[in-house]
Amino acid sequence: MNHLFGWRRLARLTFMLLYFLIEVLCTSQQTVQSETQQVKGIVGQSFSFPERVIKSGNLLYGDLGNIANVYPGKRGKITLEKRFENRLHLNNVTRYFTLSDLQIDDAGVYTVENTDEGEKSITFELTVYNVVSKPQVTECDSSSCSVVCSVDNKKEVTLTLYRGEEILNQTSSPNLTTDLSLRLEVEGKDYNSTYSCVAANPVSNETVHVPKCCS
């Protein structure tokens, strides 16, 4: 009798342990799938959300909710939101949802719901950037041997002044209504050095070589 009781107790403990492990694995899987991936796009270009939808699925956007559906046996998609009409489609080769002619206000949180095998949701936070402008030399004073380099300020743009590969100065500003600018004053011993001004953001960069302005 004691032997039978012991086996029952062992079976119960084994069942509880297996149940606990399954719960942990399920919770872990849900946590991984619920993580938001940070992605970047460029104004005027196309962006594909990197989650394949082979047969069926949906695309959700922020508070608008469902903006596209794909059904088994249907080619392409049904777009439910007017602002994405003719810009959003399911690429028939890659099977990614692709948004073309990106605009700044397309930024936000998108969720791809893939229903090919069960249900799988992956969330992407899309940030859209302008291509950075080329810096301009706005002042070249030969008497003081100084140069001012400037660039239009947009989202997350930095302006950096280099001597060769050495960073001399760098600036950025959250105030997008004013240009970024840096002044370079060349000392006598550095007249023959090569200087450059680089504007950059997370998706692009532009370089201008600073002319020698010394008399």
C-alpha atoms as a PDB file:
ATOM      1  CA  MET A   1       0.000   0.000   0.000  1.00  0.00           C
ATOM      2  CA  ASN A   2       2.809   2.382   0.915  1.00  0.00           C
ATOM      3  CA  HIS A   3       4.526   1.457  -2.331  1.00  0.00           C
ATOM      4  CA  LEU A   4       1.388   2.413  -4.327  1.00  0.00           C
ATOM      5  CA  PHE A   5       1.040   5.678  -2.399  1.00  0.00           C
ATOM      6  CA  GLY A   6       4.658   6.528  -3.181  1.00  0.00           C
ATOM      7  CA  TRP A   7       4.169   6.004  -6.909  1.00  0.00           C
ATOM      8  CA  ARG A   8       1.051   8.185  -6.902  1.00  0.00           C
ATOM      9  CA  ARG A   9       2.892  10.926  -5.090  1.00  0.00           C
ATOM     10  CA  LEU A  10       5.799  10.714  -7.524  1.00  0.00           C
ATOM     11  CA  ALA A  11       3.429  10.830 -10.498  1.00  0.00           C
ATOM     12  CA  ARG A  12       1.686  13.885  -9.064  1.00  0.00           C
ATOM     13  CA  LEU A  13       4.981  15.697  -8.500  1.00  0.00           C
ATOM     14  CA  THR A  14       6.155  14.794 -12.021  1.00  0.00           C
ATOM     15  CA  PHE A  15       2.911  16.127 -13.504  1.00  0.00           C
ATOM     16  CA  MET A  16       3.234  19.385 -11.546  1.00  0.00           C
ATOM     17  CA  LEU A  17       6.836  19.796 -12.672  1.00  0.00           C
ATOM     18  CA  LEU A  18       5.928  19.225 -16.332  1.00  0.00           C
ATOM     19  CA  TYR A  19       3.028  21.685 -16.051  1.00  0.00           C
ATOM     20  CA  PHE A  20       5.360  24.290 -14.549  1.00  0.00           C
ATOM     21  CA  LEU A  21       7.928  23.823 -17.340  1.00  0.00           C
ATOM     22  CA  ILE A  22       5.253  24.135 -20.032  1.00  0.00           C
ATOM     23  CA  GLU A  23       3.961  27.349 -18.447  1.00  0.00           C
ATOM     24  CA  VAL A  24       7.493  28.799 -18.322  1.00  0.00           C
ATOM     25  CA  LEU A  25       8.151  27.891 -21.986  1.00  0.00           C
ATOM     26  CA  CYS A  26       4.842  29.372 -23.143  1.00  0.00           C
ATOM     27  CA  THR A  27       5.410  32.568 -21.179  1.00  0.00           C
ATOM     28  CA  SER A  28       8.937  32.848 -22.582  1.00  0.00           C
ATOM     29  CA  GLN A  29       7.673  32.381 -26.142  1.00  0.00           C
ATOM     30  CA  GLN A  30       4.972  35.014 -25.694  1.00  0.00           C
ATOM     31  CA  THR A  31       7.550  37.443 -24.289  1.00  0.00           C
ATOM     32  CA  VAL A  32       9.856  36.978 -27.271  1.00  0.00           C
ATOM     33  CA  GLN A  33       7.017  37.432 -29.748  1.00  0.00           C
ATOM     34  CA  SER A  34       5.712  40.531 -27.983  1.00  0.00           C
ATOM     35  CA  GLU A  35       9.037  42.377 -28.150  1.00  0.00           C
ATOM     36  CA  THR A  36       8.995  45.414 -30.438  1.00  0.00           C
ATOM     37  CA  GLN A  37      11.653  45.561 -33.159  1.00  0.00           C
ATOM     38  CA  GLN A  38      13.025  49.006 -34.032  1.00  0.00           C
ATOM     39  CA  VAL A  39      13.152  49.561 -37.811  1.00  0.00           C
ATOM     40  CA  LYS A  40      14.052  52.547 -40.038  1.00  0.00           C
ATOM     41  CA  GLY A  41      12.763  53.874 -43.353  1.00  0.00           C
ATOM     42  CA  ILE A  42      13.637  56.733 -45.719  1.00  0.00           C
ATOM     43  CA  VAL A  43      11.204  59.329 -47.081  1.00  0.00           C
ATOM     44  CA  GLY A  44      10.181  58.500 -50.652  1.00  0.00           C
ATOM     45  CA  GLN A  45      11.529  54.951 -50.558  1.00  0.00           C
ATOM     46  CA  SER A  46       9.858  51.590 -49.829  1.00  0.00           C
ATOM     47  CA  PHE A  47      10.014  49.573 -46.635  1.00  0.00           C
ATOM     48  CA  SER A  48       9.238  45.870 -46.150  1.00  0.00           C
ATOM     49  CA  PHE A  49       8.263  44.534 -42.728  1.00  0.00           C
ATOM     50  CA  PRO A  50      10.592  41.517 -42.230  1.00  0.00           C
ATOM     51  CA  GLU A  51       7.983  38.887 -41.391  1.00  0.00           C
ATOM     52  CA  ARG A  52       6.778  36.582 -44.189  1.00  0.00           C
ATOM     53  CA  VAL A  53       3.078  35.918 -44.705  1.00  0.00           C
ATOM     54  CA  ILE A  54       2.906  32.927 -47.047  1.00  0.00           C
ATOM     55  CA  LYS A  55      -0.841  32.232 -47.048  1.00  0.00           C
ATOM     56  CA  SER A  56      -2.761  34.415 -44.644  1.00  0.00           C
ATOM     57  CA  GLY A  57      -2.255  37.257 -42.206  1.00  0.00           C
ATOM     58  CA  ASN A  58      -2.983  40.856 -41.253  1.00  0.00           C
ATOM     59  CA  LEU A  59      -1.144  44.145 -40.822  1.00  0.00           C
ATOM     60  CA  LEU A  60      -2.144  46.468 -37.966  1.00  0.00           C
ATOM     61  CA  TYR A  61      -1.086  50.093 -37.480  1.00  0.00           C
ATOM     62  CA  GLY A  62      -1.318  52.050 -34.237  1.00  0.00           C
ATOM     63  CA  ASP A  63      -4.830  53.132 -33.238  1.00  0.00           C
ATOM     64  CA  LEU A  64      -6.161  52.457 -36.746  1.00  0.00           C
ATOM     65  CA  GLY A  65      -5.980  48.719 -36.115  1.00  0.00           C
ATOM     66  CA  ASN A  66      -6.262  46.413 -39.136  1.00  0.00           C
ATOM     67  CA  ILE A  67      -5.073  48.112 -42.342  1.00  0.00           C
ATOM     68  CA  ALA A  68      -4.523  45.051 -44.589  1.00  0.00           C
ATOM     69  CA  ASN A  69      -5.670  41.422 -44.845  1.00  0.00           C
ATOM     70  CA  VAL A  70      -4.320  38.501 -46.853  1.00  0.00           C
ATOM     71  CA  TYR A  71      -6.391  35.347 -47.307  1.00  0.00           C
ATOM     72  CA  PRO A  72      -5.454  31.861 -48.599  1.00  0.00           C
ATOM     73  CA  GLY A  73      -5.891  31.639 -52.369  1.00  0.00           C
ATOM     74  CA  LYS A  74      -6.100  35.436 -52.756  1.00  0.00           C
ATOM     75  CA  ARG A  75      -3.377  37.267 -54.632  1.00  0.00           C
ATOM     76  CA  GLY A  76      -2.149  40.468 -52.981  1.00  0.00           C
ATOM     77  CA  LYS A  77      -4.204  42.116 -50.294  1.00  0.00           C
ATOM     78  CA  ILE A  78      -7.233  44.114 -49.258  1.00  0.00           C
ATOM     79  CA  THR A  79      -6.342  47.548 -47.936  1.00  0.00           C
ATOM     80  CA  LEU A  80      -8.811  48.789 -45.355  1.00  0.00           C
ATOM     81  CA  GLU A  81      -7.321  52.237 -44.745  1.00  0.00           C
ATOM     82  CA  LYS A  82      -7.597  54.993 -47.388  1.00  0.00           C
ATOM     83  CA  ARG A  83      -4.283  56.724 -46.621  1.00  0.00           C
ATOM     84  CA  PHE A  84      -2.339  53.550 -47.518  1.00  0.00           C
ATOM     85  CA  GLU A  85      -4.269  52.833 -50.709  1.00  0.00           C
ATOM     86  CA  ASN A  86      -1.964  52.070 -53.679  1.00  0.00           C
ATOM     87  CA  ARG A  87       1.063  52.253 -51.358  1.00  0.00           C
ATOM     88  CA  LEU A  88       0.652  49.086 -49.301  1.00  0.00           C
ATOM     89  CA  HIS A  89       0.818  45.600 -50.759  1.00  0.00           C
ATOM     90  CA  LEU A  90       2.042  42.079 -50.088  1.00  0.00           C
ATOM     91  CA  ASN A  91       5.110  41.405 -52.225  1.00  0.00           C
ATOM     92  CA  ASN A  92       4.254  38.295 -54.240  1.00  0.00           C
ATOM     93  CA  VAL A  93       7.913  37.206 -54.334  1.00  0.00           C
ATOM     94  CA  THR A  94       9.236  37.931 -50.834  1.00  0.00           C
ATOM     95  CA  ARG A  95       5.802  37.639 -49.108  1.00  0.00           C
ATOM     96  CA  TYR A  96       6.558  40.713 -46.986  1.00  0.00           C
ATOM     97  CA  PHE A  97       4.086  43.554 -46.463  1.00  0.00           C
ATOM     98  CA  THR A  98       5.687  46.486 -48.315  1.00  0.00           C
ATOM     99  CA  LEU A  99       4.857  50.177 -47.881  1.00  0.00           C
ATOM    100  CA  SER A 100       6.028  52.424 -50.738  1.00  0.00           C
ATOM    101  CA  ASP A 101       6.614  56.193 -51.030  1.00  0.00           C
ATOM    102  CA  LEU A 102       7.239  56.534 -47.291  1.00  0.00           C
ATOM    103  CA  GLN A 103       6.238  59.765 -45.576  1.00  0.00           C
ATOM    104  CA  ILE A 104       7.323  61.131 -42.196  1.00  0.00           C
ATOM    105  CA  ASP A 105       3.853  60.548 -40.743  1.00  0.00           C
ATOM    106  CA  ASP A 106       4.003  56.842 -41.699  1.00  0.00           C
ATOM    107  CA  ALA A 107       6.138  56.386 -38.590  1.00  0.00           C
ATOM    108  CA  GLY A 108       4.565  54.392 -35.786  1.00  0.00           C
ATOM    109  CA  VAL A 109       3.906  50.913 -34.446  1.00  0.00           C
ATOM    110  CA  TYR A 110       2.937  48.182 -36.910  1.00  0.00           C
ATOM    111  CA  THR A 111       2.042  44.565 -36.085  1.00  0.00           C
ATOM    112  CA  VAL A 112       2.238  41.691 -38.562  1.00  0.00           C
ATOM    113  CA  GLU A 113      -0.195  38.923 -37.602  1.00  0.00           C
ATOM    114  CA  ASN A 114       0.874  35.732 -39.350  1.00  0.00           C
ATOM    115  CA  THR A 115      -1.796  33.015 -39.320  1.00  0.00           C
ATOM    116  CA  ASP A 116      -0.042  30.500 -41.622  1.00  0.00           C
ATOM    117  CA  GLU A 117       0.816  28.138 -38.765  1.00  0.00           C
ATOM    118  CA  GLY A 118      -1.230  28.964 -35.716  1.00  0.00           C
ATOM    119  CA  GLU A 119      -1.039  32.621 -34.734  1.00  0.00           C
ATOM    120  CA  LYS A 120       2.158  34.652 -34.526  1.00  0.00           C
ATOM    121  CA  SER A 121       2.369  38.411 -34.001  1.00  0.00           C
ATOM    122  CA  ILE A 122       5.502  40.507 -34.434  1.00  0.00           C
ATOM    123  CA  THR A 123       5.506  44.243 -33.688  1.00  0.00           C
ATOM    124  CA  PHE A 124       7.718  46.801 -35.433  1.00  0.00           C
ATOM    125  CA  GLU A 125       8.261  50.436 -34.465  1.00  0.00           C
ATOM    126  CA  LEU A 126       9.023  52.278 -37.713  1.00  0.00           C
ATOM    127  CA  THR A 127      10.918  55.580 -37.687  1.00  0.00           C
ATOM    128  CA  VAL A 128      11.043  57.474 -40.989  1.00  0.00           C
ATOM    129  CA  TYR A 129      13.931  59.822 -41.816  1.00  0.00           C
ATOM    130  CA  ASN A 130      14.707  62.321 -44.553  1.00  0.00           C
ATOM    131  CA  VAL A 131      17.934  61.811 -46.482  1.00  0.00           C
ATOM    132  CA  VAL A 132      20.396  64.198 -44.878  1.00  0.00           C
ATOM    133  CA  SER A 133      21.288  67.387 -46.800  1.00  0.00           C
ATOM    134  CA  LYS A 134      24.803  68.082 -48.039  1.00  0.00           C
ATOM    135  CA  PRO A 135      26.661  70.526 -45.743  1.00  0.00           C
ATOM    136  CA  GLN A 136      27.420  73.981 -47.116  1.00  0.00           C
ATOM    137  CA  VAL A 137      30.417  76.263 -46.512  1.00  0.00           C
ATOM    138  CA  THR A 138      28.545  79.427 -45.583  1.00  0.00           C
ATOM    139  CA  GLU A 139      31.568  81.572 -44.714  1.00  0.00           C
ATOM    140  CA  CYS A 140      35.212  81.562 -45.795  1.00  0.00           C
ATOM    141  CA  ASP A 141      37.267  84.344 -44.191  1.00  0.00           C
ATOM    142  CA  SER A 142      40.809  84.521 -45.595  1.00  0.00           C
ATOM    143  CA  SER A 143      41.968  87.171 -43.141  1.00  0.00           C
ATOM    144  CA  SER A 144      41.197  85.086 -40.045  1.00  0.00           C
ATOM    145  CA  CYS A 145      41.633  81.750 -41.803  1.00  0.00           C
ATOM    146  CA  SER A 146      38.206  80.572 -40.630  1.00  0.00           C
ATOM    147  CA  VAL A 147      35.366  78.604 -42.179  1.00  0.00           C
ATOM    148  CA  VAL A 148      31.739  78.081 -41.149  1.00  0.00           C
ATOM    149  CA  CYS A 149      30.048  74.858 -42.212  1.00  0.00           C
ATOM    150  CA  SER A 150      26.256  74.444 -41.911  1.00  0.00           C
ATOM    151  CA  VAL A 151      23.443  72.031 -42.800  1.00  0.00           C
ATOM    152  CA  ASP A 152      19.643  71.892 -42.630  1.00  0.00           C
ATOM    153  CA  ASN A 153      18.597  70.393 -39.316  1.00  0.00           C
ATOM    154  CA  LYS A 154      16.252  67.407 -39.488  1.00  0.00           C
ATOM    155  CA  LYS A 155      15.427  64.502 -37.165  1.00  0.00           C
ATOM    156  CA  GLU A 156      18.569  63.090 -35.449  1.00  0.00           C
ATOM    157  CA  VAL A 157      21.038  64.920 -37.712  1.00  0.00           C
ATOM    158  CA  THR A 158      24.580  65.508 -36.434  1.00  0.00           C
ATOM    159  CA  LEU A 159      27.186  67.807 -37.996  1.00  0.00           C
ATOM    160  CA  THR A 160      30.823  66.842 -37.442  1.00  0.00           C
ATOM    161  CA  LEU A 161      34.043  68.654 -38.322  1.00  0.00           C
ATOM    162  CA  TYR A 162      37.108  66.502 -39.082  1.00  0.00           C
ATOM    163  CA  ARG A 163      40.814  67.108 -39.523  1.00  0.00           C
ATOM    164  CA  GLY A 164      41.809  64.012 -41.446  1.00  0.00           C
ATOM    165  CA  GLU A 165      40.063  61.287 -39.433  1.00  0.00           C
ATOM    166  CA  GLU A 166      40.197  63.222 -36.151  1.00  0.00           C
ATOM    167  CA  ILE A 167      36.942  64.711 -34.846  1.00  0.00           C
ATOM    168  CA  LEU A 168      37.455  68.394 -34.012  1.00  0.00           C
ATOM    169  CA  ASN A 169      33.888  69.335 -33.162  1.00  0.00           C
ATOM    170  CA  GLN A 170      30.351  67.993 -33.373  1.00  0.00           C
ATOM    171  CA  THR A 171      26.876  69.407 -32.904  1.00  0.00           C
ATOM    172  CA  SER A 172      23.200  68.436 -32.997  1.00  0.00           C
ATOM    173  CA  SER A 173      19.953  69.989 -31.788  1.00  0.00           C
ATOM    174  CA  PRO A 174      16.355  68.900 -31.143  1.00  0.00           C
ATOM    175  CA  ASN A 175      15.258  72.342 -32.427  1.00  0.00           C
ATOM    176  CA  LEU A 176      14.523  71.581 -36.099  1.00  0.00           C
ATOM    177  CA  THR A 177      13.712  75.215 -36.955  1.00  0.00           C
ATOM    178  CA  THR A 178      17.367  76.308 -36.998  1.00  0.00           C
ATOM    179  CA  ASP A 179      20.316  75.085 -39.066  1.00  0.00           C
ATOM    180  CA  LEU A 180      23.293  73.319 -37.524  1.00  0.00           C
ATOM    181  CA  SER A 181      26.641  75.094 -37.935  1.00  0.00           C
ATOM    182  CA  LEU A 182      30.269  74.739 -36.869  1.00  0.00           C
ATOM    183  CA  ARG A 183      33.166  77.190 -37.174  1.00  0.00           C
ATOM    184  CA  LEU A 184      36.687  76.088 -38.021  1.00  0.00           C
ATOM    185  CA  GLU A 185      39.642  78.361 -37.262  1.00  0.00           C
ATOM    186  CA  VAL A 186      42.879  77.006 -38.698  1.00  0.00           C
ATOM    187  CA  GLU A 187      46.119  77.626 -36.824  1.00  0.00           C
ATOM    188  CA  GLY A 188      49.345  78.271 -38.734  1.00  0.00           C
ATOM    189  CA  LYS A 189      50.825  74.828 -38.162  1.00  0.00           C
ATOM    190  CA  ASP A 190      47.674  73.169 -39.548  1.00  0.00           C
ATOM    191  CA  TYR A 191      47.393  75.116 -42.839  1.00  0.00           C
ATOM    192  CA  ASN A 192      48.178  72.064 -44.945  1.00  0.00           C
ATOM    193  CA  SER A 193      45.858  69.658 -43.144  1.00  0.00           C
ATOM    194  CA  THR A 194      42.747  68.252 -44.847  1.00  0.00           C
ATOM    195  CA  TYR A 195      39.410  69.206 -43.309  1.00  0.00           C
ATOM    196  CA  SER A 196      35.913  67.910 -43.952  1.00  0.00           C
ATOM    197  CA  CYS A 197      32.408  68.532 -42.698  1.00  0.00           C
ATOM    198  CA  VAL A 198      30.059  65.534 -42.373  1.00  0.00           C
ATOM    199  CA  ALA A 199      26.291  65.606 -41.875  1.00  0.00           C
ATOM    200  CA  ALA A 200      24.738  62.292 -40.822  1.00  0.00           C
ATOM    201  CA  ASN A 201      21.565  60.695 -39.506  1.00  0.00           C
ATOM    202  CA  PRO A 202      20.744  57.008 -38.861  1.00  0.00           C
ATOM    203  CA  VAL A 203      20.082  56.300 -42.572  1.00  0.00           C
ATOM    204  CA  SER A 204      22.434  58.539 -44.574  1.00  0.00           C
ATOM    205  CA  ASN A 205      25.461  60.829 -44.541  1.00  0.00           C
ATOM    206  CA  GLU A 206      26.956  63.574 -46.706  1.00  0.00           C
ATOM    207  CA  THR A 207      30.515  64.939 -46.738  1.00  0.00           C
ATOM    208  CA  VAL A 208      31.958  68.206 -48.022  1.00  0.00           C
ATOM    209  CA  HIS A 209      35.680  68.960 -48.077  1.00  0.00           C
ATOM    210  CA  VAL A 210      36.449  72.293 -46.467  1.00  0.00           C
ATOM    211  CA  PRO A 211      38.371  74.674 -48.779  1.00  0.00           C
ATOM    212  CA  LYS A 212      41.536  76.429 -47.633  1.00  0.00           C
ATOM    213  CA  CYS A 213      40.572  80.005 -46.864  1.00  0.00           C
ATOM    214  CA  CYS A 214      43.918  81.368 -45.667  1.00  0.00           C
ATOM    215  CA  SER A 215      45.455  84.355 -47.441  1.00  0.00           C
END
